[in-house]
Structure formats: C-alpha cells, structure tokens
Amino acid sequence: MLLEPGRVCIKKYGRDAGSRAVVTKVLDNGFVNIITAKRKKERRCNTKHLEFLNKTIDISNKELVNKELGSS
C-alpha cells in the first residue's frame, strides 16, 4: 500500500521541494501529515505533491526517522 504511516517520499512542490519526507498520518481526501528534512514540524500535505519511494520505516523510532531524513 502506498499511503501508510512511515512511507518515505520526496516533496515535488513547495518550499521543501526536493527534500525527503516521511508520512506520519494518513488523512482523508488525498491528504497526509508529513515531516521533512528541511522542516521537522509535522504538517498537512497533498499526496499529489509527493513522490513515494519503495521504503517504509518505523515512525516511532525517532533516531531512524532523523537518519532517513538526514540522508538526502
């Protein structure tokens, strides 16, 4: 499944374009909550603005999330 918490993706548009992101929560109507490498604050994002990668991580492990976001 593409839309799931912990899915690693890349932002295609906006201020964080080109940076890695991790999905933290799946919302309705094509939106998800993400955190990115450039801005660690969780916020809402349209799924059309994301390119999903074939990698999923455990979002409860903060060290793993920071390692994944740091490796751009």
N, C-alpha and C. Protein backbone atom coordinates (compact mmCIF):
# COMPACT_ATOMS: atom_id res chain seq x y z
N MET A 1 0.84 -1.19 0.00
CA MET A 1 0.00 0.00 0.00
C MET A 1 0.88 1.25 0.00
N LEU A 2 0.58 2.19 -0.85
CA LEU A 2 1.40 3.39 -0.98
C LEU A 2 1.18 4.37 0.17
N LEU A 3 -0.05 4.58 0.56
CA LEU A 3 -0.36 5.53 1.63
C LEU A 3 -0.41 4.81 2.97
N GLU A 4 0.67 4.91 3.71
CA GLU A 4 0.73 4.31 5.04
C GLU A 4 1.73 5.09 5.89
N PRO A 5 1.50 5.15 7.19
CA PRO A 5 2.47 5.84 8.05
C PRO A 5 3.83 5.18 7.97
N GLY A 6 4.86 6.00 7.86
CA GLY A 6 6.22 5.50 7.77
C GLY A 6 6.74 5.45 6.34
N ARG A 7 5.91 5.73 5.35
CA ARG A 7 6.34 5.70 3.95
C ARG A 7 7.27 6.88 3.68
N VAL A 8 8.41 6.61 3.09
CA VAL A 8 9.38 7.64 2.74
C VAL A 8 9.03 8.18 1.36
N CYS A 9 9.11 9.49 1.20
CA CYS A 9 8.77 10.12 -0.08
C CYS A 9 9.62 11.36 -0.28
N ILE A 10 9.46 11.98 -1.45
CA ILE A 10 10.17 13.20 -1.79
C ILE A 10 9.14 14.27 -2.16
N LYS A 11 9.29 15.46 -1.59
CA LYS A 11 8.40 16.57 -1.92
C LYS A 11 8.73 17.07 -3.31
N LYS A 12 7.71 17.21 -4.16
CA LYS A 12 7.92 17.67 -5.54
C LYS A 12 7.68 19.17 -5.69
N TYR A 13 6.83 19.75 -4.86
CA TYR A 13 6.47 21.16 -5.00
C TYR A 13 6.55 21.86 -3.65
N GLY A 14 6.62 23.19 -3.69
CA GLY A 14 6.56 23.99 -2.48
C GLY A 14 7.93 24.34 -1.93
N ARG A 15 7.91 24.86 -0.73
CA ARG A 15 9.12 25.33 -0.06
C ARG A 15 10.14 24.21 0.15
N ASP A 16 9.64 23.01 0.40
CA ASP A 16 10.51 21.87 0.69
C ASP A 16 10.77 20.99 -0.53
N ALA A 17 10.57 21.51 -1.71
CA ALA A 17 10.73 20.72 -2.94
C ALA A 17 12.13 20.12 -3.01
N GLY A 18 12.18 18.83 -3.29
CA GLY A 18 13.45 18.12 -3.41
C GLY A 18 13.93 17.47 -2.13
N SER A 19 13.29 17.74 -1.01
CA SER A 19 13.74 17.15 0.25
C SER A 19 12.94 15.89 0.57
N ARG A 20 13.56 15.02 1.35
CA ARG A 20 12.90 13.79 1.76
C ARG A 20 11.85 14.08 2.82
N ALA A 21 10.84 13.25 2.86
CA ALA A 21 9.77 13.39 3.84
C ALA A 21 9.31 12.01 4.29
N VAL A 22 8.69 11.96 5.46
CA VAL A 22 8.13 10.72 5.98
C VAL A 22 6.67 10.97 6.34
N VAL A 23 5.79 10.10 5.87
CA VAL A 23 4.36 10.20 6.18
C VAL A 23 4.15 9.77 7.62
N THR A 24 3.49 10.62 8.42
CA THR A 24 3.23 10.30 9.82
C THR A 24 1.79 9.88 10.06
N LYS A 25 0.87 10.39 9.23
CA LYS A 25 -0.54 10.08 9.43
C LYS A 25 -1.28 10.24 8.10
N VAL A 26 -2.18 9.32 7.79
CA VAL A 26 -2.98 9.40 6.58
C VAL A 26 -4.31 10.06 6.92
N LEU A 27 -4.62 11.16 6.22
CA LEU A 27 -5.87 11.87 6.43
C LEU A 27 -6.83 11.53 5.28
N ASP A 28 -7.98 12.16 5.24
CA ASP A 28 -8.94 11.87 4.17
C ASP A 28 -8.77 12.84 3.01
N ASN A 29 -9.42 12.56 1.90
CA ASN A 29 -9.45 13.40 0.70
C ASN A 29 -8.07 13.66 0.09
N GLY A 30 -7.19 12.66 0.13
CA GLY A 30 -5.90 12.80 -0.53
C GLY A 30 -4.86 13.61 0.20
N PHE A 31 -4.97 13.73 1.49
CA PHE A 31 -4.00 14.48 2.28
C PHE A 31 -3.33 13.56 3.30
N VAL A 32 -2.08 13.89 3.64
CA VAL A 32 -1.34 13.17 4.67
C VAL A 32 -0.61 14.19 5.54
N ASN A 33 -0.23 13.79 6.74
CA ASN A 33 0.65 14.59 7.57
C ASN A 33 2.06 14.07 7.34
N ILE A 34 3.01 15.00 7.16
CA ILE A 34 4.40 14.63 6.91
C ILE A 34 5.35 15.46 7.75
N ILE A 35 6.57 14.96 7.88
CA ILE A 35 7.68 15.76 8.38
C ILE A 35 8.76 15.66 7.31
N THR A 36 9.49 16.75 7.08
CA THR A 36 10.52 16.78 6.04
C THR A 36 11.89 17.04 6.64
N ALA A 37 12.90 16.88 5.82
CA ALA A 37 14.27 17.11 6.26
C ALA A 37 14.52 18.59 6.54
N LYS A 38 13.88 19.48 5.79
CA LYS A 38 14.10 20.92 5.96
C LYS A 38 13.33 21.49 7.15
N ARG A 39 12.09 21.01 7.35
CA ARG A 39 11.27 21.50 8.47
C ARG A 39 10.75 20.29 9.23
N LYS A 40 11.14 20.17 10.49
CA LYS A 40 10.79 18.99 11.29
C LYS A 40 9.37 19.03 11.85
N LYS A 41 8.70 20.18 11.72
CA LYS A 41 7.34 20.30 12.24
C LYS A 41 6.37 19.52 11.35
N GLU A 42 5.50 18.74 11.98
CA GLU A 42 4.53 17.95 11.23
C GLU A 42 3.45 18.87 10.65
N ARG A 43 3.12 18.64 9.36
CA ARG A 43 2.08 19.45 8.73
C ARG A 43 1.39 18.66 7.63
N ARG A 44 0.30 19.20 7.16
CA ARG A 44 -0.54 18.55 6.15
C ARG A 44 0.02 18.79 4.75
N CYS A 45 -0.12 17.77 3.90
CA CYS A 45 0.40 17.88 2.54
C CYS A 45 -0.51 17.10 1.60
N ASN A 46 -0.70 17.63 0.40
CA ASN A 46 -1.47 16.94 -0.63
C ASN A 46 -0.62 15.81 -1.19
N THR A 47 -1.21 14.64 -1.41
CA THR A 47 -0.46 13.50 -1.92
C THR A 47 0.02 13.72 -3.35
N LYS A 48 -0.61 14.63 -4.07
CA LYS A 48 -0.18 14.94 -5.44
C LYS A 48 1.17 15.66 -5.45
N HIS A 49 1.57 16.20 -4.31
CA HIS A 49 2.84 16.92 -4.20
C HIS A 49 3.98 16.02 -3.75
N LEU A 50 3.72 14.72 -3.62
CA LEU A 50 4.72 13.78 -3.12
C LEU A 50 5.04 12.72 -4.15
N GLU A 51 6.30 12.30 -4.17
CA GLU A 51 6.73 11.14 -4.97
C GLU A 51 7.11 10.06 -3.97
N PHE A 52 6.33 8.98 -3.93
CA PHE A 52 6.53 7.93 -2.95
C PHE A 52 7.66 6.99 -3.36
N LEU A 53 8.49 6.63 -2.39
CA LEU A 53 9.60 5.70 -2.62
C LEU A 53 9.20 4.32 -2.09
N ASN A 54 9.95 3.31 -2.50
CA ASN A 54 9.66 1.94 -2.07
C ASN A 54 10.33 1.62 -0.74
N LYS A 55 10.18 2.50 0.22
CA LYS A 55 10.80 2.30 1.53
C LYS A 55 9.83 2.72 2.62
N THR A 56 9.71 1.91 3.64
CA THR A 56 8.87 2.21 4.79
C THR A 56 9.72 2.07 6.05
N ILE A 57 9.57 3.00 6.99
CA ILE A 57 10.31 2.94 8.24
C ILE A 57 9.34 3.00 9.41
N ASP A 58 9.84 2.67 10.59
CA ASP A 58 9.05 2.73 11.81
C ASP A 58 9.10 4.16 12.35
N ILE A 59 7.96 4.86 12.32
CA ILE A 59 7.97 6.27 12.72
C ILE A 59 8.06 6.47 14.22
N SER A 60 7.87 5.42 15.01
CA SER A 60 8.00 5.57 16.46
C SER A 60 9.47 5.62 16.88
N ASN A 61 10.37 5.20 16.00
CA ASN A 61 11.81 5.25 16.26
C ASN A 61 12.35 6.58 15.73
N LYS A 62 12.45 7.59 16.59
CA LYS A 62 12.86 8.94 16.18
C LYS A 62 14.27 8.97 15.60
N GLU A 63 15.15 8.13 16.12
CA GLU A 63 16.52 8.08 15.61
C GLU A 63 16.55 7.61 14.16
N LEU A 64 15.73 6.61 13.84
CA LEU A 64 15.65 6.09 12.48
C LEU A 64 15.04 7.13 11.54
N VAL A 65 14.02 7.86 12.01
CA VAL A 65 13.40 8.90 11.20
C VAL A 65 14.40 10.01 10.90
N ASN A 66 15.14 10.46 11.90
CA ASN A 66 16.14 11.51 11.69
C ASN A 66 17.25 11.05 10.76
N LYS A 67 17.65 9.80 10.86
CA LYS A 67 18.68 9.25 9.97
C LYS A 67 18.18 9.24 8.52
N GLU A 68 16.93 8.84 8.32
CA GLU A 68 16.37 8.77 6.98
C GLU A 68 16.21 10.17 6.37
N LEU A 69 15.77 11.13 7.15
CA LEU A 69 15.59 12.49 6.65
C LEU A 69 16.92 13.19 6.41
N GLY A 70 17.92 12.81 7.16
CA GLY A 70 19.24 13.44 7.02
C GLY A 70 20.00 12.96 5.81
N SER A 71 19.67 11.78 5.31
CA SER A 71 20.41 11.21 4.16
C SER A 71 19.72 11.59 2.86
N SER A 72 19.95 12.81 2.40
CA SER A 72 19.31 13.30 1.18
C SER A 72 20.12 12.99 -0.05
